[in-house]
Amino acid sequence: MFLSAFYAKLTPRQWLTLSTVFSLVGYLLIYFANWWPVENFIYSQIVMGILSGIGAGFSFGIICITPQNWLDEVISSVSLEIRMTSHIGTFEASYFITVPKASKAPQPRDGLSLIKLSSSF
């Protein structure tokens, strides 16, 4: 949500750098927690999870948002005929391609039948 709201403020490279820093700080924190007292380990796990989660969220947002902006620009620049052919192709594929029905193999009703089936191979 934060990335979507402020995406235009930074470039994708800067968002990726920010994501990398958050993730790296989170994982380094959990690495160095090895030398902290055991009773404080839970706090380092919580902070590590938050920081690494923020970094992973930024990365995932960059993966989803950046190509969508590019795709919107490309689609607006192509002609109407090219945009229509993708929909026609999708309709044809959904009409002509059929999914085969699954075969109804007899199912064992108890555990003994299952053992007999597995031992017969």
PDB file of N, CA and C in Angstrom:
ATOM      1  N   MET A   1       0.819  -1.168   0.000  1.00  0.00           N
ATOM      2  CA  MET A   1       0.000   0.000   0.000  1.00  0.00           C
ATOM      3  C   MET A   1       0.879   1.254   0.000  1.00  0.00           C
ATOM      4  N   PHE A   2       1.926   1.240   0.787  1.00  0.00           N
ATOM      5  CA  PHE A   2       2.838   2.376   0.852  1.00  0.00           C
ATOM      6  C   PHE A   2       3.507   2.587  -0.499  1.00  0.00           C
ATOM      7  N   LEU A   3       3.939   1.507  -1.125  1.00  0.00           N
ATOM      8  CA  LEU A   3       4.601   1.600  -2.428  1.00  0.00           C
ATOM      9  C   LEU A   3       3.651   2.130  -3.484  1.00  0.00           C
ATOM     10  N   SER A   4       2.424   1.670  -3.485  1.00  0.00           N
ATOM     11  CA  SER A   4       1.446   2.152  -4.467  1.00  0.00           C
ATOM     12  C   SER A   4       1.169   3.637  -4.294  1.00  0.00           C
ATOM     13  N   ALA A   5       1.119   4.100  -3.067  1.00  0.00           N
ATOM     14  CA  ALA A   5       0.807   5.500  -2.805  1.00  0.00           C
ATOM     15  C   ALA A   5       1.948   6.433  -3.195  1.00  0.00           C
ATOM     16  N   PHE A   6       3.182   5.973  -3.009  1.00  0.00           N
ATOM     17  CA  PHE A   6       4.340   6.839  -3.239  1.00  0.00           C
ATOM     18  C   PHE A   6       5.231   6.352  -4.375  1.00  0.00           C
ATOM     19  N   TYR A   7       4.685   5.571  -5.285  1.00  0.00           N
ATOM     20  CA  TYR A   7       5.503   4.981  -6.362  1.00  0.00           C
ATOM     21  C   TYR A   7       6.161   6.046  -7.228  1.00  0.00           C
ATOM     22  N   ALA A   8       5.476   7.132  -7.518  1.00  0.00           N
ATOM     23  CA  ALA A   8       6.011   8.156  -8.418  1.00  0.00           C
ATOM     24  C   ALA A   8       7.099   9.015  -7.766  1.00  0.00           C
ATOM     25  N   LYS A   9       7.243   8.935  -6.456  1.00  0.00           N
ATOM     26  CA  LYS A   9       8.235   9.766  -5.771  1.00  0.00           C
ATOM     27  C   LYS A   9       9.665   9.303  -6.028  1.00  0.00           C
ATOM     28  N   LEU A  10       9.863   8.003  -6.228  1.00  0.00           N
ATOM     29  CA  LEU A  10      11.197   7.445  -6.457  1.00  0.00           C
ATOM     30  C   LEU A  10      11.204   6.651  -7.760  1.00  0.00           C
ATOM     31  N   THR A  11      12.388   6.440  -8.286  1.00  0.00           N
ATOM     32  CA  THR A  11      12.508   5.603  -9.478  1.00  0.00           C
ATOM     33  C   THR A  11      12.455   4.132  -9.058  1.00  0.00           C
ATOM     34  N   PRO A  12      12.164   3.228  -9.986  1.00  0.00           N
ATOM     35  CA  PRO A  12      12.180   1.799  -9.626  1.00  0.00           C
ATOM     36  C   PRO A  12      13.522   1.337  -9.057  1.00  0.00           C
ATOM     37  N   ARG A  13      14.622   1.877  -9.566  1.00  0.00           N
ATOM     38  CA  ARG A  13      15.939   1.507  -9.033  1.00  0.00           C
ATOM     39  C   ARG A  13      16.075   1.936  -7.577  1.00  0.00           C
ATOM     40  N   GLN A  14      15.568   3.114  -7.231  1.00  0.00           N
ATOM     41  CA  GLN A  14      15.641   3.576  -5.841  1.00  0.00           C
ATOM     42  C   GLN A  14      14.741   2.735  -4.936  1.00  0.00           C
ATOM     43  N   TRP A  15      13.559   2.344  -5.432  1.00  0.00           N
ATOM     44  CA  TRP A  15      12.691   1.469  -4.644  1.00  0.00           C
ATOM     45  C   TRP A  15      13.365   0.121  -4.421  1.00  0.00           C
ATOM     46  N   LEU A  16      14.034  -0.389  -5.441  1.00  0.00           N
ATOM     47  CA  LEU A  16      14.724  -1.677  -5.311  1.00  0.00           C
ATOM     48  C   LEU A  16      15.878  -1.574  -4.319  1.00  0.00           C
ATOM     49  N   THR A  17      16.592  -0.460  -4.347  1.00  0.00           N
ATOM     50  CA  THR A  17      17.677  -0.254  -3.381  1.00  0.00           C
ATOM     51  C   THR A  17      17.119  -0.192  -1.960  1.00  0.00           C
ATOM     52  N   LEU A  18      16.025   0.523  -1.796  1.00  0.00           N
ATOM     53  CA  LEU A  18      15.379   0.599  -0.482  1.00  0.00           C
ATOM     54  C   LEU A  18      14.931  -0.781  -0.008  1.00  0.00           C
ATOM     55  N   SER A  19      14.384  -1.555  -0.915  1.00  0.00           N
ATOM     56  CA  SER A  19      13.963  -2.914  -0.593  1.00  0.00           C
ATOM     57  C   SER A  19      15.143  -3.775  -0.159  1.00  0.00           C
ATOM     58  N   THR A  20      16.242  -3.654  -0.881  1.00  0.00           N
ATOM     59  CA  THR A  20      17.435  -4.434  -0.555  1.00  0.00           C
ATOM     60  C   THR A  20      17.988  -4.051   0.806  1.00  0.00           C
ATOM     61  N   VAL A  21      17.991  -2.768   1.104  1.00  0.00           N
ATOM     62  CA  VAL A  21      18.502  -2.305   2.398  1.00  0.00           C
ATOM     63  C   VAL A  21      17.633  -2.837   3.536  1.00  0.00           C
ATOM     64  N   PHE A  22      16.314  -2.738   3.402  1.00  0.00           N
ATOM     65  CA  PHE A  22      15.427  -3.254   4.452  1.00  0.00           C
ATOM     66  C   PHE A  22      15.645  -4.751   4.676  1.00  0.00           C
ATOM     67  N   SER A  23      15.704  -5.510   3.601  1.00  0.00           N
ATOM     68  CA  SER A  23      15.887  -6.961   3.738  1.00  0.00           C
ATOM     69  C   SER A  23      17.246  -7.293   4.339  1.00  0.00           C
ATOM     70  N   LEU A  24      18.278  -6.619   3.866  1.00  0.00           N
ATOM     71  CA  LEU A  24      19.624  -6.896   4.367  1.00  0.00           C
ATOM     72  C   LEU A  24      19.749  -6.560   5.850  1.00  0.00           C
ATOM     73  N   VAL A  25      19.191  -5.427   6.269  1.00  0.00           N
ATOM     74  CA  VAL A  25      19.236  -5.048   7.690  1.00  0.00           C
ATOM     75  C   VAL A  25      18.470  -6.072   8.529  1.00  0.00           C
ATOM     76  N   GLY A  26      17.333  -6.528   8.031  1.00  0.00           N
ATOM     77  CA  GLY A  26      16.566  -7.529   8.764  1.00  0.00           C
ATOM     78  C   GLY A  26      17.324  -8.836   8.939  1.00  0.00           C
ATOM     79  N   TYR A  27      17.935  -9.312   7.865  1.00  0.00           N
ATOM     80  CA  TYR A  27      18.668 -10.581   7.967  1.00  0.00           C
ATOM     81  C   TYR A  27      19.965 -10.436   8.752  1.00  0.00           C
ATOM     82  N   LEU A  28      20.624  -9.300   8.652  1.00  0.00           N
ATOM     83  CA  LEU A  28      21.810  -9.085   9.485  1.00  0.00           C
ATOM     84  C   LEU A  28      21.444  -9.007  10.962  1.00  0.00           C
ATOM     85  N   LEU A  29      20.298  -8.428  11.251  1.00  0.00           N
ATOM     86  CA  LEU A  29      19.839  -8.347  12.632  1.00  0.00           C
ATOM     87  C   LEU A  29      19.654  -9.742  13.226  1.00  0.00           C
ATOM     88  N   ILE A  30      19.045 -10.634  12.485  1.00  0.00           N
ATOM     89  CA  ILE A  30      18.835 -11.984  13.014  1.00  0.00           C
ATOM     90  C   ILE A  30      20.161 -12.755  13.089  1.00  0.00           C
ATOM     91  N   TYR A  31      21.090 -12.423  12.191  1.00  0.00           N
ATOM     92  CA  TYR A  31      22.408 -13.074  12.253  1.00  0.00           C
ATOM     93  C   TYR A  31      23.150 -12.652  13.519  1.00  0.00           C
ATOM     94  N   PHE A  32      23.158 -11.360  13.806  1.00  0.00           N
ATOM     95  CA  PHE A  32      23.881 -10.877  14.978  1.00  0.00           C
ATOM     96  C   PHE A  32      23.136 -11.143  16.281  1.00  0.00           C
ATOM     97  N   ALA A  33      21.880 -11.559  16.202  1.00  0.00           N
ATOM     98  CA  ALA A  33      21.144 -11.914  17.414  1.00  0.00           C
ATOM     99  C   ALA A  33      21.702 -13.178  18.059  1.00  0.00           C
ATOM    100  N   ASN A  34      22.556 -13.877  17.358  1.00  0.00           N
ATOM    101  CA  ASN A  34      23.197 -15.068  17.901  1.00  0.00           C
ATOM    102  C   ASN A  34      24.010 -14.740  19.151  1.00  0.00           C
ATOM    103  N   TRP A  35      24.513 -13.524  19.251  1.00  0.00           N
ATOM    104  CA  TRP A  35      25.357 -13.155  20.381  1.00  0.00           C
ATOM    105  C   TRP A  35      24.597 -12.369  21.450  1.00  0.00           C
ATOM    106  N   TRP A  36      23.315 -12.201  21.298  1.00  0.00           N
ATOM    107  CA  TRP A  36      22.510 -11.508  22.287  1.00  0.00           C
ATOM    108  C   TRP A  36      21.979 -12.506  23.308  1.00  0.00           C
ATOM    109  N   PRO A  37      21.541 -12.036  24.450  1.00  0.00           N
ATOM    110  CA  PRO A  37      20.940 -12.952  25.426  1.00  0.00           C
ATOM    111  C   PRO A  37      19.693 -13.627  24.855  1.00  0.00           C
ATOM    112  N   VAL A  38      19.482 -14.854  25.250  1.00  0.00           N
ATOM    113  CA  VAL A  38      18.385 -15.651  24.699  1.00  0.00           C
ATOM    114  C   VAL A  38      17.019 -15.029  25.005  1.00  0.00           C
ATOM    115  N   GLU A  39      16.877 -14.414  26.159  1.00  0.00           N
ATOM    116  CA  GLU A  39      15.572 -13.847  26.512  1.00  0.00           C
ATOM    117  C   GLU A  39      15.193 -12.658  25.618  1.00  0.00           C
ATOM    118  N   ASN A  40      16.134 -12.056  24.917  1.00  0.00           N
ATOM    119  CA  ASN A  40      15.841 -10.947  24.007  1.00  0.00           C
ATOM    120  C   ASN A  40      15.727 -11.394  22.548  1.00  0.00           C
ATOM    121  N   PHE A  41      15.873 -12.685  22.293  1.00  0.00           N
ATOM    122  CA  PHE A  41      15.874 -13.173  20.917  1.00  0.00           C
ATOM    123  C   PHE A  41      14.528 -12.960  20.229  1.00  0.00           C
ATOM    124  N   ILE A  42      13.454 -13.036  20.979  1.00  0.00           N
ATOM    125  CA  ILE A  42      12.123 -12.861  20.394  1.00  0.00           C
ATOM    126  C   ILE A  42      11.963 -11.466  19.788  1.00  0.00           C
ATOM    127  N   TYR A  43      12.571 -10.463  20.410  1.00  0.00           N
ATOM    128  CA  TYR A  43      12.470  -9.103  19.893  1.00  0.00           C
ATOM    129  C   TYR A  43      13.216  -8.960  18.561  1.00  0.00           C
ATOM    130  N   SER A  44      14.379  -9.603  18.484  1.00  0.00           N
ATOM    131  CA  SER A  44      15.118  -9.537  17.219  1.00  0.00           C
ATOM    132  C   SER A  44      14.368 -10.276  16.116  1.00  0.00           C
ATOM    133  N   GLN A  45      13.670 -11.355  16.455  1.00  0.00           N
ATOM    134  CA  GLN A  45      12.869 -12.061  15.453  1.00  0.00           C
ATOM    135  C   GLN A  45      11.729 -11.182  14.945  1.00  0.00           C
ATOM    136  N   ILE A  46      11.087 -10.461  15.843  1.00  0.00           N
ATOM    137  CA  ILE A  46       9.973  -9.604  15.452  1.00  0.00           C
ATOM    138  C   ILE A  46      10.462  -8.473  14.548  1.00  0.00           C
ATOM    139  N   VAL A  47      11.531  -7.811  14.952  1.00  0.00           N
ATOM    140  CA  VAL A  47      12.051  -6.692  14.157  1.00  0.00           C
ATOM    141  C   VAL A  47      12.577  -7.200  12.820  1.00  0.00           C
ATOM    142  N   MET A  48      13.233  -8.357  12.832  1.00  0.00           N
ATOM    143  CA  MET A  48      13.731  -8.935  11.582  1.00  0.00           C
ATOM    144  C   MET A  48      12.579  -9.253  10.642  1.00  0.00           C
ATOM    145  N   GLY A  49      11.510  -9.811  11.166  1.00  0.00           N
ATOM    146  CA  GLY A  49      10.351 -10.121  10.337  1.00  0.00           C
ATOM    147  C   GLY A  49       9.716  -8.881   9.742  1.00  0.00           C
ATOM    148  N   ILE A  50       9.638  -7.828  10.528  1.00  0.00           N
ATOM    149  CA  ILE A  50       9.050  -6.580  10.030  1.00  0.00           C
ATOM    150  C   ILE A  50       9.919  -5.986   8.931  1.00  0.00           C
ATOM    151  N   LEU A  51      11.230  -5.862   9.188  1.00  0.00           N
ATOM    152  CA  LEU A  51      12.119  -5.239   8.204  1.00  0.00           C
ATOM    153  C   LEU A  51      12.216  -6.073   6.925  1.00  0.00           C
ATOM    154  N   SER A  52      12.374  -7.370   7.062  1.00  0.00           N
ATOM    155  CA  SER A  52      12.467  -8.217   5.875  1.00  0.00           C
ATOM    156  C   SER A  52      11.146  -8.271   5.129  1.00  0.00           C
ATOM    157  N   GLY A  53      10.043  -8.224   5.856  1.00  0.00           N
ATOM    158  CA  GLY A  53       8.738  -8.196   5.214  1.00  0.00           C
ATOM    159  C   GLY A  53       8.508  -6.916   4.431  1.00  0.00           C
ATOM    160  N   ILE A  54       8.961  -5.801   4.976  1.00  0.00           N
ATOM    161  CA  ILE A  54       8.848  -4.536   4.246  1.00  0.00           C
ATOM    162  C   ILE A  54       9.693  -4.596   2.980  1.00  0.00           C
ATOM    163  N   GLY A  55      10.914  -5.119   3.101  1.00  0.00           N
ATOM    164  CA  GLY A  55      11.777  -5.239   1.924  1.00  0.00           C
ATOM    165  C   GLY A  55      11.192  -6.152   0.870  1.00  0.00           C
ATOM    166  N   ALA A  56      10.630  -7.287   1.294  1.00  0.00           N
ATOM    167  CA  ALA A  56      10.017  -8.212   0.338  1.00  0.00           C
ATOM    168  C   ALA A  56       8.773  -7.599  -0.296  1.00  0.00           C
ATOM    169  N   GLY A  57       8.017  -6.842   0.485  1.00  0.00           N
ATOM    170  CA  GLY A  57       6.831  -6.182  -0.056  1.00  0.00           C
ATOM    171  C   GLY A  57       7.185  -5.141  -1.099  1.00  0.00           C
ATOM    172  N   PHE A  58       8.234  -4.364  -0.838  1.00  0.00           N
ATOM    173  CA  PHE A  58       8.682  -3.393  -1.835  1.00  0.00           C
ATOM    174  C   PHE A  58       9.129  -4.100  -3.115  1.00  0.00           C
ATOM    175  N   SER A  59       9.863  -5.190  -2.970  1.00  0.00           N
ATOM    176  CA  SER A  59      10.327  -5.931  -4.152  1.00  0.00           C
ATOM    177  C   SER A  59       9.158  -6.477  -4.952  1.00  0.00           C
ATOM    178  N   PHE A  60       8.190  -7.060  -4.267  1.00  0.00           N
ATOM    179  CA  PHE A  60       7.032  -7.610  -4.967  1.00  0.00           C
ATOM    180  C   PHE A  60       6.233  -6.504  -5.643  1.00  0.00           C
ATOM    181  N   GLY A  61       6.105  -5.370  -4.980  1.00  0.00           N
ATOM    182  CA  GLY A  61       5.413  -4.244  -5.587  1.00  0.00           C
ATOM    183  C   GLY A  61       6.106  -3.746  -6.831  1.00  0.00           C
ATOM    184  N   ILE A  62       7.426  -3.704  -6.796  1.00  0.00           N
ATOM    185  CA  ILE A  62       8.189  -3.287  -7.975  1.00  0.00           C
ATOM    186  C   ILE A  62       7.971  -4.273  -9.113  1.00  0.00           C
ATOM    187  N   ILE A  63       7.922  -5.568  -8.795  1.00  0.00           N
ATOM    188  CA  ILE A  63       7.701  -6.582  -9.826  1.00  0.00           C
ATOM    189  C   ILE A  63       6.323  -6.414 -10.461  1.00  0.00           C
ATOM    190  N   CYS A  64       5.330  -6.036  -9.682  1.00  0.00           N
ATOM    191  CA  CYS A  64       3.958  -5.920 -10.199  1.00  0.00           C
ATOM    192  C   CYS A  64       3.671  -4.567 -10.837  1.00  0.00           C
ATOM    193  N   ILE A  65       4.121  -3.475 -10.235  1.00  0.00           N
ATOM    194  CA  ILE A  65       3.727  -2.145 -10.680  1.00  0.00           C
ATOM    195  C   ILE A  65       4.518  -1.682 -11.902  1.00  0.00           C
ATOM    196  N   THR A  66       5.818  -1.862 -11.907  1.00  0.00           N
ATOM    197  CA  THR A  66       6.654  -1.331 -12.989  1.00  0.00           C
ATOM    198  C   THR A  66       6.269  -1.896 -14.353  1.00  0.00           C
ATOM    199  N   PRO A  67       6.113  -3.213 -14.523  1.00  0.00           N
ATOM    200  CA  PRO A  67       5.697  -3.701 -15.848  1.00  0.00           C
ATOM    201  C   PRO A  67       4.297  -3.227 -16.236  1.00  0.00           C
ATOM    202  N   GLN A  68       3.417  -3.011 -15.273  1.00  0.00           N
ATOM    203  CA  GLN A  68       2.063  -2.574 -15.598  1.00  0.00           C
ATOM    204  C   GLN A  68       2.083  -1.169 -16.183  1.00  0.00           C
ATOM    205  N   ASN A  69       2.900  -0.281 -15.637  1.00  0.00           N
ATOM    206  CA  ASN A  69       3.019   1.062 -16.202  1.00  0.00           C
ATOM    207  C   ASN A  69       3.543   1.003 -17.630  1.00  0.00           C
ATOM    208  N   TRP A  70       4.543   0.169 -17.849  1.00  0.00           N
ATOM    209  CA  TRP A  70       5.100   0.022 -19.191  1.00  0.00           C
ATOM    210  C   TRP A  70       4.054  -0.547 -20.144  1.00  0.00           C
ATOM    211  N   LEU A  71       3.311  -1.542 -19.686  1.00  0.00           N
ATOM    212  CA  LEU A  71       2.306  -2.165 -20.540  1.00  0.00           C
ATOM    213  C   LEU A  71       1.202  -1.174 -20.900  1.00  0.00           C
ATOM    214  N   ASP A  72       0.784  -0.335 -19.959  1.00  0.00           N
ATOM    215  CA  ASP A  72      -0.232   0.671 -20.250  1.00  0.00           C
ATOM    216  C   ASP A  72       0.252   1.650 -21.318  1.00  0.00           C
ATOM    217  N   GLU A  73       1.518   2.051 -21.243  1.00  0.00           N
ATOM    218  CA  GLU A  73       2.063   2.965 -22.238  1.00  0.00           C
ATOM    219  C   GLU A  73       2.130   2.305 -23.618  1.00  0.00           C
ATOM    220  N   VAL A  74       2.535   1.049 -23.666  1.00  0.00           N
ATOM    221  CA  VAL A  74       2.651   0.346 -24.945  1.00  0.00           C
ATOM    222  C   VAL A  74       1.275   0.124 -25.563  1.00  0.00           C
ATOM    223  N   ILE A  75       0.317  -0.285 -24.757  1.00  0.00           N
ATOM    224  CA  ILE A  75      -1.027  -0.556 -25.279  1.00  0.00           C
ATOM    225  C   ILE A  75      -1.668   0.728 -25.809  1.00  0.00           C
ATOM    226  N   SER A  76      -1.435   1.841 -25.144  1.00  0.00           N
ATOM    227  CA  SER A  76      -2.030   3.086 -25.628  1.00  0.00           C
ATOM    228  C   SER A  76      -1.405   3.552 -26.937  1.00  0.00           C
ATOM    229  N   SER A  77      -0.199   3.090 -27.243  1.00  0.00           N
ATOM    230  CA  SER A  77       0.457   3.527 -28.468  1.00  0.00           C
ATOM    231  C   SER A  77       0.173   2.628 -29.666  1.00  0.00           C
ATOM    232  N   VAL A  78      -0.325   1.413 -29.472  1.00  0.00           N
ATOM    233  CA  VAL A  78      -0.602   0.523 -30.599  1.00  0.00           C
ATOM    234  C   VAL A  78      -1.996   0.786 -31.149  1.00  0.00           C
ATOM    235  N   SER A  79      -2.231   0.304 -32.342  1.00  0.00           N
ATOM    236  CA  SER A  79      -3.509   0.575 -32.994  1.00  0.00           C
ATOM    237  C   SER A  79      -4.631  -0.281 -32.410  1.00  0.00           C
ATOM    238  N   LEU A  80      -5.845   0.099 -32.726  1.00  0.00           N
ATOM    239  CA  LEU A  80      -7.028  -0.597 -32.225  1.00  0.00           C
ATOM    240  C   LEU A  80      -7.088  -2.030 -32.738  1.00  0.00           C
ATOM    241  N   GLU A  81      -6.643  -2.263 -33.966  1.00  0.00           N
ATOM    242  CA  GLU A  81      -6.695  -3.611 -34.531  1.00  0.00           C
ATOM    243  C   GLU A  81      -5.826  -4.580 -33.745  1.00  0.00           C
ATOM    244  N   ILE A  82      -4.670  -4.127 -33.341  1.00  0.00           N
ATOM    245  CA  ILE A  82      -3.773  -5.007 -32.580  1.00  0.00           C
ATOM    246  C   ILE A  82      -4.384  -5.311 -31.214  1.00  0.00           C
ATOM    247  N   ARG A  83      -5.007  -4.321 -30.597  1.00  0.00           N
ATOM    248  CA  ARG A  83      -5.628  -4.566 -29.296  1.00  0.00           C
ATOM    249  C   ARG A  83      -6.817  -5.510 -29.408  1.00  0.00           C
ATOM    250  N   MET A  84      -7.556  -5.445 -30.487  1.00  0.00           N
ATOM    251  CA  MET A  84      -8.727  -6.307 -30.674  1.00  0.00           C
ATOM    252  C   MET A  84      -8.329  -7.762 -30.927  1.00  0.00           C
ATOM    253  N   THR A  85      -7.213  -7.974 -31.613  1.00  0.00           N
ATOM    254  CA  THR A  85      -6.827  -9.355 -31.941  1.00  0.00           C
ATOM    255  C   THR A  85      -6.525 -10.172 -30.698  1.00  0.00           C
ATOM    256  N   SER A  86      -6.025  -9.545 -29.649  1.00  0.00           N
ATOM    257  CA  SER A  86      -5.756 -10.318 -28.434  1.00  0.00           C
ATOM    258  C   SER A  86      -7.050 -10.845 -27.830  1.00  0.00           C
ATOM    259  N   HIS A  87      -8.118 -10.058 -27.873  1.00  0.00           N
ATOM    260  CA  HIS A  87      -9.398 -10.510 -27.330  1.00  0.00           C
ATOM    261  C   HIS A  87     -10.017 -11.591 -28.219  1.00  0.00           C
ATOM    262  N   ILE A  88      -9.893 -11.428 -29.524  1.00  0.00           N
ATOM    263  CA  ILE A  88     -10.426 -12.435 -30.437  1.00  0.00           C
ATOM    264  C   ILE A  88      -9.683 -13.751 -30.258  1.00  0.00           C
ATOM    265  N   GLY A  89      -8.362 -13.682 -30.124  1.00  0.00           N
ATOM    266  CA  GLY A  89      -7.573 -14.897 -29.904  1.00  0.00           C
ATOM    267  C   GLY A  89      -7.929 -15.581 -28.604  1.00  0.00           C
ATOM    268  N   THR A  90      -8.197 -14.825 -27.576  1.00  0.00           N
ATOM    269  CA  THR A  90      -8.597 -15.405 -26.293  1.00  0.00           C
ATOM    270  C   THR A  90      -9.944 -16.108 -26.417  1.00  0.00           C
ATOM    271  N   PHE A  91     -10.877 -15.486 -27.125  1.00  0.00           N
ATOM    272  CA  PHE A  91     -12.183 -16.101 -27.312  1.00  0.00           C
ATOM    273  C   PHE A  91     -12.063 -17.398 -28.101  1.00  0.00           C
ATOM    274  N   GLU A  92     -11.281 -17.393 -29.187  1.00  0.00           N
ATOM    275  CA  GLU A  92     -11.117 -18.606 -29.989  1.00  0.00           C
ATOM    276  C   GLU A  92     -10.475 -19.718 -29.177  1.00  0.00           C
ATOM    277  N   ALA A  93      -9.482 -19.379 -28.407  1.00  0.00           N
ATOM    278  CA  ALA A  93      -8.811 -20.399 -27.600  1.00  0.00           C
ATOM    279  C   ALA A  93      -9.764 -20.993 -26.574  1.00  0.00           C
ATOM    280  N   SER A  94     -10.598 -20.166 -25.962  1.00  0.00           N
ATOM    281  CA  SER A  94     -11.519 -20.691 -24.959  1.00  0.00           C
ATOM    282  C   SER A  94     -12.632 -21.519 -25.597  1.00  0.00           C
ATOM    283  N   TYR A  95     -12.944 -21.256 -26.857  1.00  0.00           N
ATOM    284  CA  TYR A  95     -14.013 -21.988 -27.532  1.00  0.00           C
ATOM    285  C   TYR A  95     -13.522 -23.334 -28.083  1.00  0.00           C
ATOM    286  N   PHE A  96     -12.342 -23.351 -28.651  1.00  0.00           N
ATOM    287  CA  PHE A  96     -11.870 -24.552 -29.342  1.00  0.00           C
ATOM    288  C   PHE A  96     -11.052 -25.495 -28.469  1.00  0.00           C
ATOM    289  N   ILE A  97     -10.440 -24.997 -27.433  1.00  0.00           N
ATOM    290  CA  ILE A  97      -9.624 -25.859 -26.576  1.00  0.00           C
ATOM    291  C   ILE A  97     -10.511 -26.423 -25.478  1.00  0.00           C
ATOM    292  N   THR A  98     -10.568 -27.735 -25.408  1.00  0.00           N
ATOM    293  CA  THR A  98     -11.377 -28.381 -24.372  1.00  0.00           C
ATOM    294  C   THR A  98     -10.466 -29.097 -23.393  1.00  0.00           C
ATOM    295  N   VAL A  99     -10.890 -29.140 -22.188  1.00  0.00           N
ATOM    296  CA  VAL A  99     -10.138 -29.826 -21.145  1.00  0.00           C
ATOM    297  C   VAL A  99     -10.684 -31.236 -21.027  1.00  0.00           C
ATOM    298  N   PRO A 100      -9.810 -32.258 -21.125  1.00  0.00           N
ATOM    299  CA  PRO A 100     -10.318 -33.627 -21.017  1.00  0.00           C
ATOM    300  C   PRO A 100     -10.853 -33.908 -19.618  1.00  0.00           C
ATOM    301  N   LYS A 101     -11.881 -34.737 -19.565  1.00  0.00           N
ATOM    302  CA  LYS A 101     -12.464 -35.089 -18.273  1.00  0.00           C
ATOM    303  C   LYS A 101     -11.556 -36.092 -17.569  1.00  0.00           C
ATOM    304  N   ALA A 102     -11.533 -35.990 -16.265  1.00  0.00           N
ATOM    305  CA  ALA A 102     -10.709 -36.891 -15.467  1.00  0.00           C
ATOM    306  C   ALA A 102     -11.356 -38.276 -15.448  1.00  0.00           C
ATOM    307  N   SER A 103     -10.508 -39.289 -15.490  1.00  0.00           N
ATOM    308  CA  SER A 103     -11.048 -40.645 -15.447  1.00  0.00           C
ATOM    309  C   SER A 103     -11.474 -40.980 -14.023  1.00  0.00           C
ATOM    310  N   LYS A 104     -12.494 -41.787 -13.926  1.00  0.00           N
ATOM    311  CA  LYS A 104     -13.004 -42.185 -12.614  1.00  0.00           C
ATOM    312  C   LYS A 104     -12.403 -43.535 -12.246  1.00  0.00           C
ATOM    313  N   ALA A 105     -11.277 -43.506 -11.605  1.00  0.00           N
ATOM    314  CA  ALA A 105     -10.641 -44.733 -11.145  1.00  0.00           C
ATOM    315  C   ALA A 105     -11.300 -45.153  -9.840  1.00  0.00           C
ATOM    316  N   PRO A 106     -11.430 -46.442  -9.596  1.00  0.00           N
ATOM    317  CA  PRO A 106     -12.033 -46.883  -8.333  1.00  0.00           C
ATOM    318  C   PRO A 106     -11.149 -46.470  -7.149  1.00  0.00           C
ATOM    319  N   GLN A 107     -11.781 -45.932  -6.154  1.00  0.00           N
ATOM    320  CA  GLN A 107     -11.071 -45.470  -4.975  1.00  0.00           C
ATOM    321  C   GLN A 107     -11.183 -46.504  -3.863  1.00  0.00           C
ATOM    322  N   PRO A 108     -10.083 -46.805  -3.166  1.00  0.00           N
ATOM    323  CA  PRO A 108     -10.164 -47.731  -2.037  1.00  0.00           C
ATOM    324  C   PRO A 108     -10.984 -47.126  -0.910  1.00  0.00           C
ATOM    325  N   ARG A 109     -11.775 -47.966  -0.246  1.00  0.00           N
ATOM    326  CA  ARG A 109     -12.664 -47.471   0.804  1.00  0.00           C
ATOM    327  C   ARG A 109     -12.070 -47.596   2.202  1.00  0.00           C
ATOM    328  N   ASP A 110     -11.083 -48.426   2.345  1.00  0.00           N
ATOM    329  CA  ASP A 110     -10.469 -48.552   3.664  1.00  0.00           C
ATOM    330  C   ASP A 110      -8.953 -48.584   3.516  1.00  0.00           C
ATOM    331  N   GLY A 111      -8.265 -48.538   4.639  1.00  0.00           N
ATOM    332  CA  GLY A 111      -6.807 -48.515   4.629  1.00  0.00           C
ATOM    333  C   GLY A 111      -6.189 -49.782   4.091  1.00  0.00           C
ATOM    334  N   LEU A 112      -6.829 -50.934   4.307  1.00  0.00           N
ATOM    335  CA  LEU A 112      -6.272 -52.189   3.837  1.00  0.00           C
ATOM    336  C   LEU A 112      -6.225 -52.239   2.309  1.00  0.00           C
ATOM    337  N   SER A 113      -7.260 -51.738   1.652  1.00  0.00           N
ATOM    338  CA  SER A 113      -7.263 -51.729   0.194  1.00  0.00           C
ATOM    339  C   SER A 113      -6.145 -50.841  -0.330  1.00  0.00           C
ATOM    340  N   LEU A 114      -5.886 -49.749   0.369  1.00  0.00           N
ATOM    341  CA  LEU A 114      -4.823 -48.843  -0.056  1.00  0.00           C
ATOM    342  C   LEU A 114      -3.477 -49.535   0.068  1.00  0.00           C
ATOM    343  N   ILE A 115      -3.279 -50.299   1.148  1.00  0.00           N
ATOM    344  CA  ILE A 115      -2.021 -51.030   1.330  1.00  0.00           C
ATOM    345  C   ILE A 115      -1.869 -52.084   0.254  1.00  0.00           C
ATOM    346  N   LYS A 116      -2.958 -52.781  -0.094  1.00  0.00           N
ATOM    347  CA  LYS A 116      -2.894 -53.792  -1.139  1.00  0.00           C
ATOM    348  C   LYS A 116      -2.557 -53.174  -2.491  1.00  0.00           C
ATOM    349  N   LEU A 117      -3.126 -51.993  -2.763  1.00  0.00           N
ATOM    350  CA  LEU A 117      -2.827 -51.314  -4.035  1.00  0.00           C
ATOM    351  C   LEU A 117      -1.376 -50.897  -4.102  1.00  0.00           C
ATOM    352  N   SER A 118      -0.847 -50.380  -3.006  1.00  0.00           N
ATOM    353  CA  SER A 118       0.524 -49.897  -3.031  1.00  0.00           C
ATOM    354  C   SER A 118       1.530 -51.036  -3.055  1.00  0.00           C
ATOM    355  N   SER A 119       1.191 -52.193  -2.498  1.00  0.00           N
ATOM    356  CA  SER A 119       2.137 -53.294  -2.494  1.00  0.00           C
ATOM    357  C   SER A 119       2.105 -54.068  -3.811  1.00  0.00           C
ATOM    358  N   SER A 120       1.129 -53.824  -4.668  1.00  0.00           N
ATOM    359  CA  SER A 120       1.046 -54.571  -5.907  1.00  0.00           C
ATOM    360  C   SER A 120       1.982 -53.995  -6.972  1.00  0.00           C
ATOM    361  N   PHE A 121       2.590 -52.855  -6.726  1.00  0.00           N
ATOM    362  CA  PHE A 121       3.468 -52.251  -7.739  1.00  0.00           C
ATOM    363  C   PHE A 121       4.862 -52.740  -7.644  1.00  0.00           C
TER     364      PHE A 121
END
